[in-house]
Amino acid sequence: MGFVSVSKIAEADFPTRWGAFRIMGFEGELPAPRPCCDRAALSGRRVESLVALVMGDIHSAPPVVRIHSQCLTGDVFGSLRCDCRLQLELALSRIAEEGAGILLYEQQEGRGIGLMSKLKAYELQDQGMDTVEANVELGFAADCRAYELPDKVAALEAAGITVSERISAEVEPQESFERYLRTKQEKMGHITDFAVND
């Protein structure tokens, strides 16, 4: 589902421990809410927000780009239920090493189900469900984002962006999130370069 419009809302200098970025805020308007949940409204419009961190000259050569879905529990609080923060830091480090790149940070907490529903999914996971089973039990699709990881390259190319290379964002698996990684690989088609232990 394409956006009706996309607007840049703000732009500013953004110094980080990885170096100097420009931070930009964007809002895109979808023609209708995503019908991800059986309780979702089926009419009206939906506005989605995205933050872009841009470093260096992104025009003279293909830049490193990471599309990262918001994960408050991982990105901010350092949760080890997932690999999100580790992937985010890996991407920022890689951009800094290259001296140029873009991090697109989508506000799609919990694969698009929102923070409170994500916490309810955590409760169900504590009772033995995996991430997909928990989302479905709560009445959501397995992934409520506009496109899932395997579809990101196709979505970018459909938008006219040439993807010259896929760079792995895999981090060393930890016991605390091995089941999470296995579920992403087996049930959601995520591409991995390593075997996750049973």
N, C-alpha and C. Protein backbone atom coordinates (compact mmCIF):
# COMPACT_ATOMS: atom_id res chain seq x y z
N MET A 1 0.85 -1.16 0.00
CA MET A 1 0.00 0.00 0.00
C MET A 1 0.90 1.23 0.00
N GLY A 2 0.76 2.08 -1.01
CA GLY A 2 1.59 3.26 -1.13
C GLY A 2 1.07 4.45 -0.33
N PHE A 3 1.95 5.41 -0.11
CA PHE A 3 1.59 6.62 0.61
C PHE A 3 0.91 7.60 -0.32
N VAL A 4 -0.10 8.30 0.18
CA VAL A 4 -0.76 9.36 -0.55
C VAL A 4 0.18 10.54 -0.66
N SER A 5 0.88 10.82 0.44
CA SER A 5 1.85 11.92 0.46
C SER A 5 2.90 11.64 1.54
N VAL A 6 4.08 12.24 1.35
CA VAL A 6 5.15 12.18 2.34
C VAL A 6 5.70 13.58 2.49
N SER A 7 5.83 14.05 3.72
CA SER A 7 6.33 15.40 3.99
C SER A 7 7.48 15.36 4.97
N LYS A 8 8.50 16.18 4.69
CA LYS A 8 9.58 16.33 5.67
C LYS A 8 9.09 17.36 6.68
N ILE A 9 9.13 17.01 7.95
CA ILE A 9 8.60 17.84 9.03
C ILE A 9 9.70 18.69 9.66
N ALA A 10 10.90 18.12 9.80
CA ALA A 10 11.99 18.85 10.47
C ALA A 10 13.33 18.27 10.05
N GLU A 11 14.40 19.08 10.22
CA GLU A 11 15.77 18.63 9.94
C GLU A 11 16.72 19.41 10.84
N ALA A 12 17.70 18.72 11.40
CA ALA A 12 18.64 19.37 12.32
C ALA A 12 19.96 18.60 12.36
N ASP A 13 21.01 19.26 12.88
CA ASP A 13 22.26 18.57 13.15
C ASP A 13 22.03 17.60 14.30
N PHE A 14 22.73 16.46 14.26
CA PHE A 14 22.50 15.42 15.26
C PHE A 14 23.81 14.72 15.59
N PRO A 15 24.58 15.25 16.54
CA PRO A 15 25.82 14.58 16.93
C PRO A 15 25.52 13.32 17.75
N THR A 16 26.26 12.24 17.47
CA THR A 16 26.08 10.98 18.20
C THR A 16 27.44 10.42 18.55
N ARG A 17 27.47 9.33 19.30
CA ARG A 17 28.75 8.71 19.62
C ARG A 17 29.37 8.03 18.41
N TRP A 18 28.60 7.89 17.32
CA TRP A 18 29.13 7.34 16.07
C TRP A 18 29.61 8.43 15.11
N GLY A 19 29.31 9.68 15.43
CA GLY A 19 29.71 10.78 14.57
C GLY A 19 28.55 11.73 14.31
N ALA A 20 28.79 12.66 13.41
CA ALA A 20 27.81 13.71 13.11
C ALA A 20 26.84 13.26 12.02
N PHE A 21 25.58 13.32 12.32
CA PHE A 21 24.50 13.01 11.38
C PHE A 21 23.65 14.26 11.19
N ARG A 22 22.77 14.21 10.19
CA ARG A 22 21.62 15.10 10.09
C ARG A 22 20.44 14.22 10.46
N ILE A 23 19.52 14.75 11.27
CA ILE A 23 18.31 14.01 11.62
C ILE A 23 17.14 14.69 10.92
N MET A 24 16.32 13.87 10.29
CA MET A 24 15.16 14.39 9.57
C MET A 24 13.92 13.61 9.99
N GLY A 25 12.84 14.32 10.18
CA GLY A 25 11.57 13.68 10.50
C GLY A 25 10.63 13.77 9.33
N PHE A 26 9.99 12.65 9.00
CA PHE A 26 9.05 12.58 7.89
C PHE A 26 7.73 12.02 8.37
N GLU A 27 6.65 12.43 7.73
CA GLU A 27 5.33 11.85 7.95
C GLU A 27 4.75 11.47 6.61
N GLY A 28 4.23 10.25 6.55
CA GLY A 28 3.58 9.78 5.33
C GLY A 28 2.14 9.45 5.62
N GLU A 29 1.28 9.81 4.69
CA GLU A 29 -0.14 9.55 4.87
C GLU A 29 -0.57 8.39 3.98
N LEU A 30 -1.14 7.37 4.62
CA LEU A 30 -1.66 6.21 3.91
C LEU A 30 -3.15 6.44 3.63
N PRO A 31 -3.66 5.87 2.54
CA PRO A 31 -5.07 6.10 2.22
C PRO A 31 -6.04 5.48 3.22
N ALA A 32 -5.59 4.47 3.96
CA ALA A 32 -6.45 3.82 4.97
C ALA A 32 -5.56 3.14 5.99
N PRO A 33 -6.07 2.94 7.20
CA PRO A 33 -5.28 2.21 8.19
C PRO A 33 -4.99 0.80 7.71
N ARG A 34 -3.91 0.25 8.17
CA ARG A 34 -3.59 -1.14 7.83
C ARG A 34 -4.53 -2.05 8.62
N PRO A 35 -5.27 -2.92 7.96
CA PRO A 35 -6.18 -3.82 8.67
C PRO A 35 -5.41 -5.01 9.25
N CYS A 36 -4.61 -4.73 10.25
CA CYS A 36 -3.74 -5.75 10.82
C CYS A 36 -4.43 -6.54 11.92
N CYS A 37 -5.36 -5.91 12.55
CA CYS A 37 -6.02 -6.50 13.70
C CYS A 37 -7.51 -6.56 13.43
N ASP A 38 -8.18 -7.58 13.92
CA ASP A 38 -9.61 -7.66 13.69
C ASP A 38 -10.37 -6.52 14.36
N ARG A 39 -9.68 -5.78 15.24
CA ARG A 39 -10.32 -4.63 15.89
C ARG A 39 -9.96 -3.31 15.20
N ALA A 40 -9.14 -3.36 14.12
CA ALA A 40 -8.67 -2.14 13.47
C ALA A 40 -9.80 -1.47 12.69
N ALA A 41 -9.78 -0.15 12.70
CA ALA A 41 -10.73 0.61 11.91
C ALA A 41 -10.41 0.41 10.43
N LEU A 42 -11.42 0.29 9.62
CA LEU A 42 -11.21 0.04 8.20
C LEU A 42 -11.41 1.29 7.34
N SER A 43 -11.72 2.42 7.95
CA SER A 43 -11.90 3.64 7.17
C SER A 43 -11.03 4.74 7.76
N GLY A 44 -10.92 5.82 7.02
CA GLY A 44 -10.10 6.93 7.48
C GLY A 44 -8.68 6.80 7.00
N ARG A 45 -7.86 7.77 7.35
CA ARG A 45 -6.47 7.77 6.91
C ARG A 45 -5.55 7.53 8.10
N ARG A 46 -4.34 7.14 7.78
CA ARG A 46 -3.35 6.86 8.82
C ARG A 46 -2.07 7.59 8.48
N VAL A 47 -1.48 8.23 9.49
CA VAL A 47 -0.21 8.92 9.31
C VAL A 47 0.87 8.10 10.01
N GLU A 48 1.94 7.80 9.28
CA GLU A 48 3.08 7.09 9.87
C GLU A 48 4.28 8.02 9.88
N SER A 49 5.09 7.91 10.93
CA SER A 49 6.27 8.74 11.08
C SER A 49 7.53 7.92 10.86
N LEU A 50 8.58 8.59 10.41
CA LEU A 50 9.87 7.96 10.18
C LEU A 50 10.94 8.99 10.46
N VAL A 51 12.03 8.55 11.07
CA VAL A 51 13.19 9.41 11.29
C VAL A 51 14.32 8.89 10.42
N ALA A 52 15.00 9.79 9.74
CA ALA A 52 16.17 9.43 8.94
C ALA A 52 17.40 10.07 9.56
N LEU A 53 18.43 9.26 9.80
CA LEU A 53 19.74 9.78 10.19
C LEU A 53 20.63 9.66 8.96
N VAL A 54 21.21 10.78 8.55
CA VAL A 54 22.02 10.81 7.33
C VAL A 54 23.41 11.31 7.68
N MET A 55 24.41 10.55 7.22
CA MET A 55 25.80 10.94 7.45
C MET A 55 26.52 11.05 6.11
N GLY A 56 27.28 12.11 5.94
CA GLY A 56 28.19 12.24 4.81
C GLY A 56 27.52 12.42 3.47
N ASP A 57 28.32 12.21 2.41
CA ASP A 57 27.89 12.36 1.02
C ASP A 57 27.20 11.08 0.59
N ILE A 58 25.89 11.14 0.45
CA ILE A 58 25.12 9.95 0.08
C ILE A 58 24.80 9.90 -1.41
N HIS A 59 25.35 10.87 -2.18
CA HIS A 59 25.00 10.96 -3.59
C HIS A 59 26.09 10.49 -4.55
N SER A 60 27.36 10.55 -4.16
CA SER A 60 28.44 10.22 -5.10
C SER A 60 28.68 8.71 -5.25
N ALA A 61 28.24 7.92 -4.29
CA ALA A 61 28.34 6.47 -4.34
C ALA A 61 27.16 5.88 -3.58
N PRO A 62 26.77 4.64 -3.90
CA PRO A 62 25.65 4.04 -3.17
C PRO A 62 25.94 4.02 -1.67
N PRO A 63 25.06 4.62 -0.85
CA PRO A 63 25.31 4.64 0.59
C PRO A 63 24.85 3.35 1.27
N VAL A 64 25.41 3.11 2.44
CA VAL A 64 24.90 2.05 3.31
C VAL A 64 23.56 2.54 3.86
N VAL A 65 22.54 1.69 3.78
CA VAL A 65 21.20 2.06 4.27
C VAL A 65 20.70 0.95 5.17
N ARG A 66 20.17 1.33 6.31
CA ARG A 66 19.53 0.36 7.23
C ARG A 66 18.10 0.84 7.47
N ILE A 67 17.14 -0.04 7.24
CA ILE A 67 15.75 0.24 7.60
C ILE A 67 15.51 -0.50 8.91
N HIS A 68 15.26 0.26 9.97
CA HIS A 68 15.17 -0.32 11.31
C HIS A 68 13.80 0.01 11.90
N SER A 69 13.09 -1.01 12.34
CA SER A 69 11.80 -0.80 13.00
C SER A 69 12.02 -0.52 14.47
N GLN A 70 11.32 0.48 14.97
CA GLN A 70 11.43 0.89 16.36
C GLN A 70 11.25 -0.28 17.31
N CYS A 71 12.10 -0.31 18.32
CA CYS A 71 11.99 -1.33 19.37
C CYS A 71 12.40 -0.65 20.68
N LEU A 72 11.46 -0.05 21.36
CA LEU A 72 11.76 0.66 22.60
C LEU A 72 12.45 -0.25 23.61
N THR A 73 11.94 -1.47 23.75
CA THR A 73 12.50 -2.36 24.76
C THR A 73 13.94 -2.74 24.45
N GLY A 74 14.26 -2.94 23.19
CA GLY A 74 15.62 -3.29 22.80
C GLY A 74 16.51 -2.07 22.59
N ASP A 75 16.05 -1.13 21.76
CA ASP A 75 16.87 0.02 21.39
C ASP A 75 17.19 0.92 22.57
N VAL A 76 16.22 1.12 23.44
CA VAL A 76 16.40 2.06 24.56
C VAL A 76 16.80 1.32 25.84
N PHE A 77 16.08 0.25 26.19
CA PHE A 77 16.30 -0.41 27.46
C PHE A 77 17.28 -1.57 27.40
N GLY A 78 17.76 -1.91 26.19
CA GLY A 78 18.75 -2.96 26.06
C GLY A 78 18.23 -4.36 26.30
N SER A 79 16.95 -4.60 26.00
CA SER A 79 16.38 -5.94 26.18
C SER A 79 17.18 -6.97 25.41
N LEU A 80 17.33 -8.14 26.01
CA LEU A 80 17.97 -9.26 25.34
C LEU A 80 16.95 -10.30 24.88
N ARG A 81 15.68 -9.88 24.77
CA ARG A 81 14.66 -10.75 24.19
C ARG A 81 14.78 -10.75 22.67
N CYS A 82 15.50 -9.75 22.13
CA CYS A 82 15.64 -9.58 20.69
C CYS A 82 17.05 -9.07 20.39
N ASP A 83 17.35 -8.97 19.11
CA ASP A 83 18.66 -8.49 18.66
C ASP A 83 18.59 -7.06 18.12
N CYS A 84 17.50 -6.35 18.38
CA CYS A 84 17.26 -5.04 17.77
C CYS A 84 18.34 -4.01 18.07
N ARG A 85 18.66 -3.82 19.34
CA ARG A 85 19.67 -2.81 19.69
C ARG A 85 21.03 -3.16 19.09
N LEU A 86 21.38 -4.43 19.12
CA LEU A 86 22.65 -4.85 18.56
C LEU A 86 22.70 -4.57 17.06
N GLN A 87 21.58 -4.81 16.36
CA GLN A 87 21.52 -4.52 14.93
C GLN A 87 21.59 -3.01 14.67
N LEU A 88 20.90 -2.23 15.49
CA LEU A 88 20.92 -0.78 15.34
C LEU A 88 22.34 -0.24 15.51
N GLU A 89 23.02 -0.69 16.56
CA GLU A 89 24.39 -0.23 16.80
C GLU A 89 25.35 -0.72 15.72
N LEU A 90 25.15 -1.92 15.21
CA LEU A 90 25.96 -2.43 14.11
C LEU A 90 25.80 -1.54 12.88
N ALA A 91 24.57 -1.18 12.57
CA ALA A 91 24.30 -0.33 11.41
C ALA A 91 24.94 1.05 11.56
N LEU A 92 24.79 1.65 12.73
CA LEU A 92 25.39 2.98 12.94
C LEU A 92 26.92 2.91 12.88
N SER A 93 27.48 1.85 13.40
CA SER A 93 28.94 1.67 13.32
C SER A 93 29.39 1.51 11.88
N ARG A 94 28.64 0.74 11.10
CA ARG A 94 28.99 0.52 9.69
C ARG A 94 28.90 1.82 8.90
N ILE A 95 27.86 2.60 9.14
CA ILE A 95 27.71 3.90 8.47
C ILE A 95 28.89 4.79 8.82
N ALA A 96 29.26 4.82 10.10
CA ALA A 96 30.40 5.65 10.55
C ALA A 96 31.69 5.18 9.89
N GLU A 97 31.89 3.86 9.79
CA GLU A 97 33.10 3.32 9.13
C GLU A 97 33.17 3.74 7.67
N GLU A 98 32.03 3.73 7.00
CA GLU A 98 31.97 4.10 5.59
C GLU A 98 32.07 5.61 5.40
N GLY A 99 31.71 6.37 6.46
CA GLY A 99 31.72 7.83 6.37
C GLY A 99 30.49 8.40 5.72
N ALA A 100 29.56 7.53 5.31
CA ALA A 100 28.32 7.98 4.68
C ALA A 100 27.29 6.88 4.78
N GLY A 101 26.04 7.27 4.92
CA GLY A 101 24.97 6.30 4.96
C GLY A 101 23.70 6.88 5.54
N ILE A 102 22.68 6.04 5.55
CA ILE A 102 21.35 6.46 5.99
C ILE A 102 20.77 5.39 6.90
N LEU A 103 20.24 5.80 8.04
CA LEU A 103 19.47 4.92 8.90
C LEU A 103 18.03 5.42 8.86
N LEU A 104 17.12 4.57 8.41
CA LEU A 104 15.69 4.90 8.41
C LEU A 104 15.07 4.19 9.60
N TYR A 105 14.54 4.98 10.54
CA TYR A 105 14.01 4.45 11.79
C TYR A 105 12.49 4.59 11.76
N GLU A 106 11.82 3.44 11.53
CA GLU A 106 10.37 3.44 11.39
C GLU A 106 9.68 3.29 12.74
N GLN A 107 8.64 4.03 12.95
CA GLN A 107 7.87 3.92 14.19
C GLN A 107 6.83 2.81 14.03
N GLN A 108 7.32 1.58 14.14
CA GLN A 108 6.45 0.41 13.98
C GLN A 108 6.76 -0.58 15.10
N GLU A 109 6.60 -0.13 16.31
CA GLU A 109 6.91 -0.93 17.51
C GLU A 109 6.24 -2.29 17.46
N GLY A 110 7.01 -3.30 17.81
CA GLY A 110 6.44 -4.65 17.93
C GLY A 110 5.88 -5.19 16.63
N ARG A 111 6.64 -5.01 15.55
CA ARG A 111 6.19 -5.40 14.20
C ARG A 111 4.87 -4.74 13.86
N GLY A 112 4.68 -3.53 14.37
CA GLY A 112 3.52 -2.73 14.01
C GLY A 112 2.32 -2.86 14.92
N ILE A 113 2.43 -3.61 16.02
CA ILE A 113 1.25 -3.79 16.89
C ILE A 113 1.19 -2.75 18.01
N GLY A 114 2.26 -2.00 18.21
CA GLY A 114 2.28 -0.99 19.26
C GLY A 114 2.89 -1.51 20.56
N LEU A 115 3.32 -0.58 21.39
CA LEU A 115 4.06 -0.94 22.60
C LEU A 115 3.25 -1.76 23.60
N MET A 116 2.03 -1.34 23.91
CA MET A 116 1.25 -2.06 24.92
C MET A 116 0.91 -3.47 24.45
N SER A 117 0.57 -3.61 23.18
CA SER A 117 0.30 -4.95 22.65
C SER A 117 1.57 -5.79 22.64
N LYS A 118 2.70 -5.15 22.38
CA LYS A 118 3.97 -5.88 22.41
C LYS A 118 4.24 -6.42 23.83
N LEU A 119 3.93 -5.63 24.84
CA LEU A 119 4.12 -6.10 26.21
C LEU A 119 3.17 -7.25 26.54
N LYS A 120 1.95 -7.19 26.01
CA LYS A 120 1.03 -8.33 26.19
C LYS A 120 1.58 -9.57 25.48
N ALA A 121 2.20 -9.35 24.32
CA ALA A 121 2.82 -10.48 23.59
C ALA A 121 3.97 -11.07 24.41
N TYR A 122 4.72 -10.21 25.11
CA TYR A 122 5.78 -10.70 25.99
C TYR A 122 5.21 -11.64 27.05
N GLU A 123 4.05 -11.26 27.62
CA GLU A 123 3.42 -12.13 28.63
C GLU A 123 3.12 -13.50 28.05
N LEU A 124 2.57 -13.52 26.84
CA LEU A 124 2.26 -14.78 26.19
C LEU A 124 3.52 -15.58 25.86
N GLN A 125 4.59 -14.88 25.49
CA GLN A 125 5.86 -15.56 25.23
C GLN A 125 6.40 -16.19 26.51
N ASP A 126 6.21 -15.51 27.64
CA ASP A 126 6.64 -16.07 28.92
C ASP A 126 5.88 -17.36 29.25
N GLN A 127 4.70 -17.53 28.64
CA GLN A 127 3.89 -18.74 28.85
C GLN A 127 4.19 -19.80 27.80
N GLY A 128 5.15 -19.54 26.90
CA GLY A 128 5.58 -20.56 25.96
C GLY A 128 5.33 -20.28 24.49
N MET A 129 4.58 -19.24 24.16
CA MET A 129 4.34 -18.93 22.75
C MET A 129 5.58 -18.26 22.14
N ASP A 130 5.72 -18.39 20.82
CA ASP A 130 6.76 -17.62 20.14
C ASP A 130 6.17 -16.27 19.73
N THR A 131 6.96 -15.42 19.09
CA THR A 131 6.50 -14.07 18.77
C THR A 131 5.34 -14.08 17.78
N VAL A 132 5.37 -14.96 16.81
CA VAL A 132 4.28 -15.03 15.83
C VAL A 132 3.00 -15.54 16.50
N GLU A 133 3.10 -16.62 17.26
CA GLU A 133 1.93 -17.16 17.95
C GLU A 133 1.30 -16.13 18.89
N ALA A 134 2.12 -15.36 19.59
CA ALA A 134 1.62 -14.35 20.52
C ALA A 134 0.87 -13.26 19.78
N ASN A 135 1.42 -12.77 18.68
CA ASN A 135 0.73 -11.74 17.90
C ASN A 135 -0.63 -12.23 17.41
N VAL A 136 -0.64 -13.45 16.89
CA VAL A 136 -1.89 -14.01 16.37
C VAL A 136 -2.90 -14.21 17.50
N GLU A 137 -2.44 -14.69 18.65
CA GLU A 137 -3.33 -14.87 19.82
C GLU A 137 -3.98 -13.54 20.23
N LEU A 138 -3.25 -12.45 20.05
CA LEU A 138 -3.78 -11.12 20.41
C LEU A 138 -4.68 -10.54 19.32
N GLY A 139 -4.86 -11.25 18.21
CA GLY A 139 -5.74 -10.79 17.15
C GLY A 139 -5.04 -10.04 16.04
N PHE A 140 -3.71 -10.08 16.02
CA PHE A 140 -2.94 -9.38 15.00
C PHE A 140 -2.41 -10.37 13.98
N ALA A 141 -1.95 -9.82 12.86
CA ALA A 141 -1.19 -10.63 11.91
C ALA A 141 0.18 -10.90 12.53
N ALA A 142 0.91 -11.84 11.99
CA ALA A 142 2.26 -12.14 12.49
C ALA A 142 3.15 -10.90 12.41
N ASP A 143 2.97 -10.09 11.37
CA ASP A 143 3.75 -8.87 11.17
C ASP A 143 2.83 -7.83 10.55
N CYS A 144 2.65 -6.72 11.25
CA CYS A 144 1.72 -5.68 10.79
C CYS A 144 2.40 -4.54 10.05
N ARG A 145 3.67 -4.67 9.77
CA ARG A 145 4.37 -3.63 9.02
C ARG A 145 3.98 -3.70 7.55
N ALA A 146 4.23 -2.59 6.82
CA ALA A 146 3.88 -2.53 5.41
C ALA A 146 4.61 -3.59 4.61
N TYR A 147 5.84 -3.90 5.01
CA TYR A 147 6.59 -4.97 4.37
C TYR A 147 7.52 -5.57 5.39
N GLU A 148 7.71 -6.86 5.25
CA GLU A 148 8.59 -7.60 6.16
C GLU A 148 9.99 -7.64 5.58
N LEU A 149 10.93 -8.10 6.37
CA LEU A 149 12.33 -8.10 5.97
C LEU A 149 12.57 -8.66 4.57
N PRO A 150 12.06 -9.83 4.21
CA PRO A 150 12.37 -10.34 2.88
C PRO A 150 11.84 -9.43 1.76
N ASP A 151 10.83 -8.60 2.06
CA ASP A 151 10.23 -7.74 1.05
C ASP A 151 10.84 -6.34 0.99
N LYS A 152 11.76 -6.01 1.89
CA LYS A 152 12.31 -4.65 1.92
C LYS A 152 13.03 -4.30 0.63
N VAL A 153 13.85 -5.20 0.12
CA VAL A 153 14.59 -4.93 -1.11
C VAL A 153 13.63 -4.70 -2.26
N ALA A 154 12.62 -5.56 -2.40
CA ALA A 154 11.64 -5.41 -3.47
C ALA A 154 10.87 -4.09 -3.34
N ALA A 155 10.54 -3.70 -2.10
CA ALA A 155 9.82 -2.44 -1.90
C ALA A 155 10.68 -1.24 -2.29
N LEU A 156 11.96 -1.28 -1.94
CA LEU A 156 12.85 -0.20 -2.32
C LEU A 156 13.00 -0.11 -3.84
N GLU A 157 13.17 -1.26 -4.49
CA GLU A 157 13.33 -1.26 -5.94
C GLU A 157 12.05 -0.83 -6.64
N ALA A 158 10.89 -1.18 -6.09
CA ALA A 158 9.62 -0.73 -6.66
C ALA A 158 9.46 0.79 -6.56
N ALA A 159 10.14 1.38 -5.56
CA ALA A 159 10.09 2.83 -5.37
C ALA A 159 11.16 3.55 -6.20
N GLY A 160 11.89 2.78 -7.02
CA GLY A 160 12.89 3.39 -7.89
C GLY A 160 14.28 3.48 -7.30
N ILE A 161 14.52 2.79 -6.18
CA ILE A 161 15.82 2.80 -5.53
C ILE A 161 16.56 1.52 -5.90
N THR A 162 17.74 1.67 -6.47
CA THR A 162 18.54 0.51 -6.85
C THR A 162 19.27 -0.01 -5.62
N VAL A 163 19.09 -1.28 -5.34
CA VAL A 163 19.80 -1.93 -4.24
C VAL A 163 20.99 -2.66 -4.86
N SER A 164 22.20 -2.19 -4.58
CA SER A 164 23.38 -2.76 -5.21
C SER A 164 23.95 -3.94 -4.43
N GLU A 165 23.61 -4.04 -3.14
CA GLU A 165 24.16 -5.11 -2.31
C GLU A 165 23.34 -5.23 -1.04
N ARG A 166 23.16 -6.45 -0.55
CA ARG A 166 22.54 -6.68 0.76
C ARG A 166 23.67 -6.94 1.75
N ILE A 167 23.74 -6.12 2.78
CA ILE A 167 24.78 -6.26 3.81
C ILE A 167 24.12 -6.89 5.04
N SER A 168 24.69 -7.94 5.52
CA SER A 168 24.14 -8.63 6.68
C SER A 168 24.13 -7.71 7.91
N ALA A 169 23.04 -7.77 8.64
CA ALA A 169 22.92 -7.05 9.91
C ALA A 169 22.84 -8.05 11.06
N GLU A 170 23.35 -9.24 10.81
CA GLU A 170 23.30 -10.26 11.84
C GLU A 170 24.32 -9.99 12.93
N VAL A 171 23.90 -10.29 14.13
CA VAL A 171 24.78 -10.16 15.29
C VAL A 171 24.95 -11.54 15.89
N GLU A 172 25.92 -11.70 16.74
CA GLU A 172 26.16 -12.98 17.39
C GLU A 172 24.94 -13.37 18.21
N PRO A 173 24.33 -14.52 17.92
CA PRO A 173 23.15 -14.93 18.68
C PRO A 173 23.49 -15.13 20.16
N GLN A 174 22.57 -14.73 21.00
CA GLN A 174 22.71 -14.97 22.43
C GLN A 174 21.59 -15.90 22.86
N GLU A 175 21.85 -16.68 23.87
CA GLU A 175 20.86 -17.65 24.32
C GLU A 175 19.50 -17.00 24.60
N SER A 176 19.52 -15.77 25.12
CA SER A 176 18.27 -15.11 25.49
C SER A 176 17.38 -14.78 24.30
N PHE A 177 17.94 -14.70 23.09
CA PHE A 177 17.09 -14.41 21.93
C PHE A 177 17.24 -15.42 20.78
N GLU A 178 17.76 -16.59 21.06
CA GLU A 178 17.86 -17.62 20.02
C GLU A 178 16.50 -18.06 19.50
N ARG A 179 15.53 -18.23 20.39
CA ARG A 179 14.19 -18.66 19.95
C ARG A 179 13.55 -17.58 19.08
N TYR A 180 13.74 -16.33 19.45
CA TYR A 180 13.24 -15.20 18.67
C TYR A 180 13.82 -15.24 17.26
N LEU A 181 15.13 -15.46 17.13
CA LEU A 181 15.77 -15.53 15.82
C LEU A 181 15.28 -16.73 15.02
N ARG A 182 15.12 -17.87 15.68
CA ARG A 182 14.64 -19.06 14.99
C ARG A 182 13.23 -18.83 14.44
N THR A 183 12.37 -18.16 15.22
CA THR A 183 11.01 -17.87 14.76
C THR A 183 11.04 -16.95 13.55
N LYS A 184 11.89 -15.91 13.60
CA LYS A 184 11.99 -15.00 12.45
C LYS A 184 12.43 -15.75 11.20
N GLN A 185 13.36 -16.67 11.37
CA GLN A 185 13.89 -17.42 10.23
C GLN A 185 12.86 -18.42 9.70
N GLU A 186 12.29 -19.21 10.59
CA GLU A 186 11.42 -20.31 10.17
C GLU A 186 10.01 -19.86 9.78
N LYS A 187 9.46 -18.88 10.49
CA LYS A 187 8.06 -18.51 10.26
C LYS A 187 7.89 -17.22 9.45
N MET A 188 8.96 -16.41 9.35
CA MET A 188 8.81 -15.13 8.68
C MET A 188 9.76 -14.96 7.50
N GLY A 189 10.55 -15.98 7.21
CA GLY A 189 11.38 -15.95 6.03
C GLY A 189 12.60 -15.05 6.11
N HIS A 190 13.02 -14.69 7.32
CA HIS A 190 14.20 -13.84 7.45
C HIS A 190 15.44 -14.58 6.99
N ILE A 191 16.29 -13.86 6.29
CA ILE A 191 17.52 -14.43 5.74
C ILE A 191 18.58 -14.39 6.82
N THR A 192 19.20 -15.53 7.08
CA THR A 192 20.28 -15.58 8.07
C THR A 192 21.47 -16.30 7.50
N ASP A 193 22.64 -15.93 7.98
CA ASP A 193 23.89 -16.55 7.54
C ASP A 193 24.42 -17.54 8.56
N PHE A 194 23.65 -17.83 9.61
CA PHE A 194 24.12 -18.73 10.66
C PHE A 194 22.99 -19.67 11.04
N ALA A 195 23.33 -20.74 11.67
CA ALA A 195 22.34 -21.69 12.18
C ALA A 195 22.01 -21.32 13.61
N VAL A 196 20.72 -21.25 13.92
CA VAL A 196 20.29 -20.99 15.28
C VAL A 196 20.09 -22.33 15.96
N ASN A 197 20.66 -22.49 17.15
CA ASN A 197 20.58 -23.75 17.89
C ASN A 197 19.15 -24.04 18.34
N ASP A 198 18.85 -25.32 18.43
CA ASP A 198 17.52 -25.73 18.94
C ASP A 198 17.54 -25.82 20.45
